Amino acid sequence: MRPLDGLTVVALEHAIAAPFCTRQLADLGARVIKVERPRSGDFARAYDQRVRGLSSHFVWTNRAKESLTLDLKHAAAPAILARLLERADVLVQNLAPGAAARLGLSYAALHAVHPRLIVCDLSGYGSDGPYRDKKAYDLLIQSESGFLSVTGTPDAPTKAGCSIADIAAGMYAYSNILAELLQRDRNGQGGHIEVSMLESMIEWMSYPLYYAFDGAAPPARAGAAHATIYPYGPFPTGDGKLVMVGLQNEREWQVFCREVLEQPKLADDPRYSSNALRTTARGELQQLIVKHFARLDAEQLVARLDAAKIANARINDMREVWQHPQLAARRRWTEVETPAGPVPALLPPGTMSSFTPRMDAVPALGQHTEAILAELGCGQDAIERLRQAGAI
C-alpha cells in the first residue's frame, strides 16, 4: 500500500506548477486523471523534443497519470466533469485567472455538491488584488519576487536555470493538499487551497528579504559566489576547472589557511579574522586563493579540501549529473515508460521504508480517454459521437 492508494485527483493543468504537484501525488499512489485539450493537449507537450521526440518538461512532470482529452468549453464537458468529480477526492487547477469559476468549478460552487472534495487553485498572483489578472510565467515571477535582483553578477541579473517559481508553487500545493487530506480525515469535509506563485517564491527569498530589512541594502549580486559569506564560491584550478569551496565559520577559516592554503600566518591575520572582514576584503583574498589553487588540479584540490574537512563540490554539467557516482551508488535511478520507449527517471527524493513510489508511464495524449469515459458509463456509440463532435 502507498499512502494515497485509492484516492483520485482530477487535474485541469498545464505547464509546470500544477503538473509538478500532481505528479508527486501520483508518486504516492494517487490516481491522477489529467484533463487535456483535444488534439494539442497540455502545451508543455510542445516545449521541446529532447527526450526521443518528447518534451523534457512534460516527461519530467507527468509520469504515472492518465490522459483524458476533453474540450472544457464543449456543451458535453460539464456533464463529464460532474461525473468525474463525483468520484474524485481532489481537484487541482491552474487554468487562466477566472477560467475555473466561469466553468462552474470554483470551490464555492463545488463544495455544496461535493462536500468532501478538496479544491486546489494555483495561480500567479492569487484570486484577488490588483495583479489578479496578470499573466504569470516562471521568469516573470522570478522578476516580481525580487529573485532576479539578488541573482547574477554585479553587471546583470540572471534567472535560475530551472523553473524555480513553478517548482515552489507546485511544492506548496502538494504539501497543502496532503495537509488538507489529514484535515478531512478529522472532520469529514473537503477544503479550499489557494497557492500563488508570487507568494511561494517570496517565501523562498528567505534571508535576502530580511537582510534588507527596514531599508537596509540588499545582498549584492555575486555570481555563483555567496553574497555575504567569504570564501564561499567557485575558484579556478590549475587545469582550468572550477571547484566550489564553502566556509561557514572561523574554525574552518583557520583550518583552510593552515591545511589547504598552507599559510598558517594568514589564519591569525586580524585583517581577515571575521566573515564580515573577509567579505569586505574578498578582492584581495580572491587573488591570494586563486594564486595558490593554480598549483593544483581539480582532483588534487578536492582531495586536499576533503582531508581538511572543508566543504566543497564539483561544478557538474548535465552529463556529469547523469553519471553522478553518488546517485549510482545509492541506486537512485529507475526507468519509466513513455510513448517513445523507456527513459531513466530519478526516484523521488526521500526514501520510505513502508512503500515503493509509483513510477508508471508518461501518457500519450488522450491515451485513457475511452477507458475513463467507459468507466463513467459512456457506451462506445456515445464516445464516438463525442469524438465526432470534437468534444474529446
Protein backbone atom coordinates (compact mmCIF):
# COMPACT_ATOMS: atom_id res chain seq x y z
CA MET A 1 0.00 0.00 0.00
CA ARG A 2 1.11 3.51 -0.84
CA PRO A 3 -0.13 6.46 1.26
CA LEU A 4 -2.52 7.78 -1.42
CA ASP A 5 -3.67 4.49 -2.96
CA GLY A 6 -7.40 4.70 -3.65
CA LEU A 7 -7.52 8.49 -3.95
CA THR A 8 -8.46 10.14 -7.22
CA VAL A 9 -7.16 13.51 -8.37
CA VAL A 10 -8.69 15.37 -11.31
CA ALA A 11 -6.14 17.77 -12.79
CA LEU A 12 -7.05 20.68 -15.08
CA GLU A 13 -3.44 21.59 -15.55
CA HIS A 14 -0.81 22.81 -17.93
CA ALA A 15 2.83 23.90 -17.94
CA ILE A 16 4.78 23.09 -14.76
CA ALA A 17 3.41 24.20 -11.36
CA ALA A 18 0.23 22.08 -11.19
CA PRO A 19 1.66 19.09 -13.12
CA PHE A 20 4.67 19.01 -10.77
CA CYS A 21 2.29 18.97 -7.80
CA THR A 22 0.06 16.20 -9.14
CA ARG A 23 2.97 14.04 -10.30
CA GLN A 24 4.12 13.86 -6.71
CA LEU A 25 0.62 12.86 -5.61
CA ALA A 26 0.85 10.10 -8.23
CA ASP A 27 4.24 9.06 -6.82
CA LEU A 28 2.42 8.37 -3.53
CA GLY A 29 -0.19 6.23 -5.24
CA ALA A 30 -2.97 8.65 -6.19
CA ARG A 31 -4.82 8.11 -9.42
CA VAL A 32 -4.30 11.34 -11.37
CA ILE A 33 -6.66 11.97 -14.30
CA LYS A 34 -5.12 14.72 -16.40
CA VAL A 35 -7.69 16.58 -18.49
CA GLU A 36 -6.12 17.89 -21.71
CA ARG A 37 -7.21 19.80 -24.77
CA PRO A 38 -8.15 17.54 -27.70
CA ARG A 39 -5.50 17.44 -30.43
CA SER A 40 -2.94 19.71 -28.72
CA GLY A 41 -3.03 18.72 -25.04
CA ASP A 42 -1.04 20.37 -22.29
CA PHE A 43 1.03 22.98 -24.12
CA ALA A 44 4.13 21.75 -22.27
CA ARG A 45 4.00 18.74 -24.60
CA ALA A 46 5.33 21.05 -27.33
CA TYR A 47 8.03 22.93 -25.40
CA ASP A 48 10.83 20.84 -26.96
CA GLN A 49 11.59 17.40 -28.37
CA ARG A 50 14.69 16.49 -26.37
CA VAL A 51 13.54 13.13 -24.95
CA ARG A 52 13.29 10.91 -28.03
CA GLY A 53 10.93 13.40 -29.63
CA LEU A 54 9.02 14.14 -26.40
CA SER A 55 9.17 17.31 -24.32
CA SER A 56 11.68 17.30 -21.46
CA HIS A 57 9.27 19.36 -19.36
CA PHE A 58 6.35 17.01 -19.98
CA VAL A 59 8.28 13.79 -19.32
CA TRP A 60 9.56 15.24 -16.03
CA THR A 61 6.16 16.28 -14.62
CA ASN A 62 3.61 13.80 -15.97
CA ARG A 63 4.56 10.21 -15.28
CA ALA A 64 2.00 7.86 -13.70
CA LYS A 65 -1.00 9.89 -14.91
CA GLU A 66 -3.98 9.09 -17.13
CA SER A 67 -4.68 11.43 -20.04
CA LEU A 68 -8.30 12.29 -20.83
CA THR A 69 -8.89 14.67 -23.72
CA LEU A 70 -11.86 16.95 -23.21
CA ASP A 71 -12.78 20.37 -24.62
CA LEU A 72 -13.85 22.18 -21.44
CA LYS A 73 -15.89 24.67 -23.50
CA HIS A 74 -17.92 21.99 -25.30
CA ALA A 75 -21.55 21.57 -24.26
CA ALA A 76 -20.88 17.95 -23.26
CA ALA A 77 -17.99 18.82 -20.93
CA PRO A 78 -19.91 19.86 -17.77
CA ALA A 79 -21.70 16.51 -17.52
CA ILE A 80 -18.47 14.56 -17.97
CA LEU A 81 -16.65 16.70 -15.40
CA ALA A 82 -19.55 16.31 -12.97
CA ARG A 83 -19.32 12.53 -13.19
CA LEU A 84 -15.55 12.68 -12.77
CA LEU A 85 -15.82 14.86 -9.68
CA GLU A 86 -18.43 12.59 -8.09
CA ARG A 87 -15.67 10.04 -7.51
CA ALA A 88 -12.75 12.45 -7.03
CA ASP A 89 -11.01 13.41 -3.80
CA VAL A 90 -9.00 16.37 -5.11
CA LEU A 91 -9.37 18.86 -7.96
CA VAL A 92 -6.20 20.72 -8.94
CA GLN A 93 -6.34 23.52 -11.50
CA ASN A 94 -4.04 26.21 -12.83
CA LEU A 95 -6.19 27.49 -15.69
CA ALA A 96 -6.13 31.16 -16.68
CA PRO A 97 -7.35 33.55 -13.95
CA GLY A 98 -11.13 33.21 -13.51
CA ALA A 99 -11.49 30.35 -16.02
CA ALA A 100 -12.37 27.67 -13.46
CA ALA A 101 -15.08 29.85 -11.91
CA ARG A 102 -16.58 30.54 -15.35
CA LEU A 103 -16.75 26.77 -15.89
CA GLY A 104 -18.64 26.33 -12.61
CA LEU A 105 -15.56 24.80 -10.94
CA SER A 106 -15.00 27.27 -8.12
CA TYR A 107 -14.75 25.86 -4.61
CA ALA A 108 -17.95 27.69 -3.64
CA ALA A 109 -19.88 26.04 -6.46
CA LEU A 110 -18.41 22.59 -5.94
CA HIS A 111 -18.50 22.34 -2.15
CA ALA A 112 -22.30 22.28 -1.96
CA VAL A 113 -22.41 19.33 -4.37
CA HIS A 114 -19.20 17.54 -3.33
CA PRO A 115 -18.61 18.38 0.36
CA ARG A 116 -15.60 16.04 0.68
CA LEU A 117 -13.83 17.41 -2.40
CA ILE A 118 -10.56 19.27 -1.87
CA VAL A 119 -10.07 22.05 -4.41
CA CYS A 120 -6.59 23.44 -5.04
CA ASP A 121 -6.28 26.56 -7.18
CA LEU A 122 -2.81 27.55 -8.38
CA SER A 123 -2.29 30.96 -9.92
CA GLY A 124 0.39 33.53 -10.50
CA TYR A 125 -0.77 36.18 -8.05
CA GLY A 126 -3.86 34.90 -6.23
CA SER A 127 -7.61 35.30 -6.66
CA ASP A 128 -7.80 38.98 -5.70
CA GLY A 129 -5.66 42.09 -5.59
CA PRO A 130 -4.52 44.38 -8.40
CA TYR A 131 -2.32 41.69 -10.02
CA ARG A 132 -5.02 39.01 -10.09
CA ASP A 133 -5.49 39.01 -13.88
CA LYS A 134 -1.85 39.42 -14.91
CA LYS A 135 -0.27 36.57 -16.82
CA ALA A 136 2.33 34.83 -14.71
CA TYR A 137 5.13 32.74 -16.17
CA ASP A 138 8.07 31.43 -14.21
CA LEU A 139 10.57 34.10 -15.29
CA LEU A 140 8.03 36.87 -14.65
CA ILE A 141 7.57 35.66 -11.07
CA GLN A 142 11.34 35.40 -10.61
CA SER A 143 11.32 39.09 -11.52
CA GLU A 144 8.39 40.21 -9.36
CA SER A 145 9.56 38.28 -6.30
CA GLY A 146 12.94 40.00 -6.19
CA PHE A 147 14.81 36.82 -7.04
CA LEU A 148 16.49 38.38 -10.08
CA SER A 149 17.59 41.40 -8.07
CA VAL A 150 19.91 39.26 -5.93
CA THR A 151 20.90 36.64 -8.52
CA GLY A 152 23.54 37.18 -11.19
CA THR A 153 26.63 39.33 -11.49
CA PRO A 154 27.15 42.96 -10.48
CA ASP A 155 26.62 43.86 -14.15
CA ALA A 156 23.43 41.91 -14.88
CA PRO A 157 20.73 39.82 -13.17
CA THR A 158 20.49 36.14 -14.07
CA LYS A 159 17.47 33.87 -13.91
CA ALA A 160 17.55 30.46 -12.29
CA GLY A 161 18.39 27.70 -14.73
CA CYS A 162 15.29 25.70 -13.79
CA SER A 163 11.63 26.68 -13.29
CA ILE A 164 12.16 27.68 -9.69
CA ALA A 165 8.94 29.69 -9.22
CA ASP A 166 6.82 26.92 -10.73
CA ILE A 167 8.58 24.37 -8.54
CA ALA A 168 8.00 26.46 -5.42
CA ALA A 169 4.27 26.79 -6.13
CA GLY A 170 3.98 23.10 -7.02
CA MET A 171 5.64 22.06 -3.77
CA TYR A 172 3.36 24.25 -1.65
CA ALA A 173 0.29 22.94 -3.50
CA TYR A 174 1.47 19.37 -2.89
CA SER A 175 2.16 19.86 0.83
CA ASN A 176 -1.09 21.77 1.36
CA ILE A 177 -3.10 19.00 -0.31
CA LEU A 178 -1.51 16.44 2.00
CA ALA A 179 -2.37 18.64 4.98
CA GLU A 180 -5.97 19.06 3.76
CA LEU A 181 -6.33 15.30 3.37
CA LEU A 182 -5.34 14.93 7.03
CA GLN A 183 -7.90 17.57 7.97
CA ARG A 184 -10.59 15.73 6.01
CA ASP A 185 -9.86 12.55 7.93
CA ARG A 186 -10.64 14.50 11.10
CA ASN A 187 -13.73 16.50 10.11
CA GLY A 188 -15.09 14.70 7.06
CA GLN A 189 -15.11 17.88 4.99
CA GLY A 190 -13.16 18.93 1.94
CA GLY A 191 -11.45 22.29 1.80
CA HIS A 192 -10.15 25.04 -0.42
CA ILE A 193 -6.45 25.61 -1.06
CA GLU A 194 -5.12 28.64 -2.89
CA VAL A 195 -1.45 28.83 -3.83
CA SER A 196 0.14 31.73 -5.69
CA MET A 197 3.48 31.56 -7.44
CA LEU A 198 4.39 35.03 -6.17
CA GLU A 199 3.85 34.19 -2.50
CA SER A 200 5.60 30.84 -2.87
CA MET A 201 8.65 32.46 -4.43
CA ILE A 202 8.80 35.32 -1.92
CA GLU A 203 8.76 32.76 0.90
CA TRP A 204 11.84 31.25 -0.73
CA MET A 205 13.56 34.65 -0.79
CA SER A 206 14.34 33.90 2.85
CA TYR A 207 17.41 35.67 4.16
CA PRO A 208 17.83 38.26 1.32
CA LEU A 209 14.47 39.72 2.28
CA TYR A 210 15.39 40.02 5.96
CA TYR A 211 18.96 41.04 5.15
CA ALA A 212 17.41 44.11 3.52
CA PHE A 213 15.06 44.69 6.47
CA ASP A 214 13.99 48.21 7.35
CA GLY A 215 15.57 49.81 4.31
CA ALA A 216 18.99 48.18 4.64
CA ALA A 217 20.99 47.46 1.50
CA PRO A 218 20.17 44.08 -0.06
CA PRO A 219 22.81 41.41 -0.74
CA ALA A 220 24.87 42.31 -3.79
CA ARG A 221 24.70 40.09 -6.85
CA ALA A 222 27.84 37.96 -6.64
CA GLY A 223 27.57 35.48 -9.49
CA ALA A 224 28.00 31.91 -8.25
CA ALA A 225 29.65 33.11 -5.03
CA HIS A 226 27.80 33.68 -1.79
CA ALA A 227 26.92 37.35 -1.44
CA THR A 228 27.59 37.67 2.29
CA ILE A 229 29.93 34.79 3.28
CA TYR A 230 33.57 34.55 2.13
CA PRO A 231 35.26 32.45 0.89
CA TYR A 232 32.17 30.66 -0.40
CA GLY A 233 32.01 30.24 -4.16
CA PRO A 234 33.74 28.88 -7.27
CA PHE A 235 37.51 29.01 -7.64
CA PRO A 236 39.56 28.10 -10.73
CA THR A 237 42.22 25.39 -10.53
CA GLY A 238 45.40 24.83 -12.49
CA ASP A 239 43.73 22.51 -15.02
CA GLY A 240 41.10 25.09 -15.97
CA LYS A 241 38.25 23.60 -13.94
CA LEU A 242 36.19 25.19 -11.19
CA VAL A 243 35.74 23.90 -7.65
CA MET A 244 33.10 25.25 -5.27
CA VAL A 245 34.51 25.94 -1.81
CA GLY A 246 32.35 26.84 1.19
CA LEU A 247 33.48 28.07 4.61
CA GLN A 248 30.95 28.71 7.37
CA ASN A 249 32.84 29.76 10.49
CA GLU A 250 36.13 30.98 11.98
CA ARG A 251 37.36 27.49 12.87
CA GLU A 252 37.04 26.44 9.24
CA TRP A 253 38.85 29.58 8.09
CA GLN A 254 41.83 28.71 10.26
CA VAL A 255 41.89 25.11 9.03
CA PHE A 256 41.59 26.34 5.44
CA CYS A 257 44.59 28.66 5.87
CA ARG A 258 46.77 26.04 7.55
CA GLU A 259 45.90 22.85 5.65
CA VAL A 260 44.65 23.97 2.25
CA LEU A 261 46.46 27.24 1.55
CA GLU A 262 49.43 26.11 3.69
CA GLN A 263 49.73 29.65 5.09
CA PRO A 264 49.29 29.37 8.88
CA LYS A 265 50.12 33.04 9.44
CA LEU A 266 47.08 34.02 7.41
CA ALA A 267 44.85 32.25 9.91
CA ASP A 268 45.71 34.82 12.59
CA ASP A 269 45.84 37.89 10.37
CA PRO A 270 43.50 40.44 12.03
CA ARG A 271 42.50 41.84 8.62
CA TYR A 272 40.60 38.60 7.90
CA SER A 273 39.59 37.49 11.39
CA SER A 274 35.82 37.60 10.81
CA ASN A 275 33.46 36.83 7.98
CA ALA A 276 32.49 40.49 7.71
CA LEU A 277 36.14 41.49 7.27
CA ARG A 278 36.77 38.72 4.73
CA THR A 279 33.69 39.72 2.75
CA THR A 280 34.92 43.32 2.62
CA ALA A 281 38.37 42.11 1.54
CA ARG A 282 37.15 39.49 -0.92
CA GLY A 283 39.00 41.09 -3.84
CA GLU A 284 42.46 40.72 -2.33
CA LEU A 285 41.67 37.32 -0.80
CA GLN A 286 40.38 36.09 -4.15
CA GLN A 287 43.75 36.85 -5.76
CA LEU A 288 45.63 35.10 -2.97
CA ILE A 289 43.45 31.97 -3.08
CA VAL A 290 43.43 31.72 -6.88
CA LYS A 291 47.22 32.05 -6.99
CA HIS A 292 47.60 29.09 -4.64
CA PHE A 293 44.91 26.95 -6.31
CA ALA A 294 46.66 27.42 -9.67
CA ARG A 295 49.31 24.95 -8.46
CA LEU A 296 46.71 22.20 -8.10
CA ASP A 297 44.37 20.45 -10.49
CA ALA A 298 40.73 19.99 -9.50
CA GLU A 299 41.18 16.43 -8.19
CA GLN A 300 44.15 17.46 -6.04
CA LEU A 301 42.28 20.43 -4.62
CA VAL A 302 39.17 18.38 -3.80
CA ALA A 303 41.36 15.76 -2.10
CA ARG A 304 43.07 18.44 0.00
CA LEU A 305 39.74 20.07 0.92
CA ASP A 306 38.23 16.71 1.85
CA ALA A 307 41.23 15.87 4.03
CA ALA A 308 40.79 19.21 5.83
CA LYS A 309 37.02 18.60 6.11
CA ILE A 310 36.32 21.82 4.23
CA ALA A 311 33.03 21.78 2.32
CA ASN A 312 33.46 21.61 -1.43
CA ALA A 313 31.75 20.47 -4.61
CA ARG A 314 32.48 19.95 -8.26
CA ILE A 315 30.52 22.14 -10.68
CA ASN A 316 28.96 19.36 -12.69
CA ASP A 317 27.33 19.73 -16.06
CA MET A 318 24.25 17.71 -17.03
CA ARG A 319 26.30 14.85 -18.47
CA GLU A 320 28.14 14.53 -15.17
CA VAL A 321 24.89 14.61 -13.20
CA TRP A 322 23.51 11.70 -15.26
CA GLN A 323 26.68 9.80 -14.30
CA HIS A 324 26.96 11.02 -10.70
CA PRO A 325 28.66 8.30 -8.63
CA GLN A 326 26.62 9.07 -5.52
CA LEU A 327 23.32 8.51 -7.32
CA ALA A 328 24.66 5.30 -8.85
CA ALA A 329 25.92 4.01 -5.51
CA ARG A 330 22.54 4.66 -3.88
CA ARG A 331 20.66 3.14 -6.84
CA ARG A 332 18.55 6.28 -7.28
CA TRP A 333 17.80 5.75 -10.97
CA THR A 334 14.96 3.68 -12.36
CA GLU A 335 13.09 3.64 -15.68
CA VAL A 336 9.65 4.84 -16.70
CA GLU A 337 7.82 4.06 -19.91
CA THR A 338 6.89 6.79 -22.36
CA PRO A 339 5.21 6.80 -25.79
CA ALA A 340 8.78 6.85 -27.19
CA GLY A 341 10.06 3.96 -25.08
CA PRO A 342 11.64 3.67 -21.62
CA VAL A 343 13.69 6.55 -20.23
CA PRO A 344 15.65 6.88 -16.98
CA ALA A 345 13.98 8.66 -14.07
CA LEU A 346 15.24 9.72 -10.67
CA LEU A 347 13.39 8.10 -7.78
CA PRO A 348 11.50 10.69 -5.69
CA PRO A 349 13.70 12.33 -3.04
CA GLY A 350 13.09 10.83 0.38
CA THR A 351 13.20 7.06 0.69
CA MET A 352 10.36 5.40 2.58
CA SER A 353 10.71 2.04 4.29
CA SER A 354 6.98 1.29 4.14
CA PHE A 355 6.27 1.61 0.40
CA THR A 356 7.75 1.94 -3.06
CA PRO A 357 6.88 5.09 -5.04
CA ARG A 358 4.73 4.68 -8.11
CA MET A 359 6.78 5.15 -11.28
CA ASP A 360 4.31 4.40 -14.06
CA ALA A 361 4.34 5.57 -17.66
CA VAL A 362 4.15 9.06 -19.11
CA PRO A 363 0.84 9.04 -21.02
CA ALA A 364 0.28 9.72 -24.69
CA LEU A 365 -2.27 12.44 -25.40
CA GLY A 366 -5.74 11.03 -24.82
CA GLN A 367 -4.41 7.56 -24.13
CA HIS A 368 -7.01 6.84 -21.42
CA THR A 369 -9.97 8.80 -22.80
CA GLU A 370 -12.07 5.84 -23.89
CA ALA A 371 -11.37 3.80 -20.75
CA ILE A 372 -12.26 6.68 -18.43
CA LEU A 373 -15.43 7.56 -20.31
CA ALA A 374 -16.49 3.90 -20.30
CA GLU A 375 -15.88 3.86 -16.55
CA LEU A 376 -18.22 6.88 -16.27
CA GLY A 377 -20.96 4.97 -18.08
CA CYS A 378 -20.48 6.11 -21.67
CA GLY A 379 -21.08 3.47 -24.32
CA GLN A 380 -18.97 3.11 -27.43
CA ASP A 381 -21.56 4.88 -29.60
CA ALA A 382 -21.69 7.84 -27.19
CA ILE A 383 -17.89 8.03 -27.12
CA GLU A 384 -17.78 8.04 -30.91
CA ARG A 385 -20.36 10.86 -31.05
CA LEU A 386 -18.24 12.89 -28.62
CA ARG A 387 -15.21 12.31 -30.82
CA GLN A 388 -17.05 13.30 -33.98
CA ALA A 389 -18.27 16.47 -32.26
CA GLY A 390 -14.72 17.41 -31.24
CA ALA A 391 -15.53 17.16 -27.53
CA ILE A 392 -12.75 14.65 -26.86
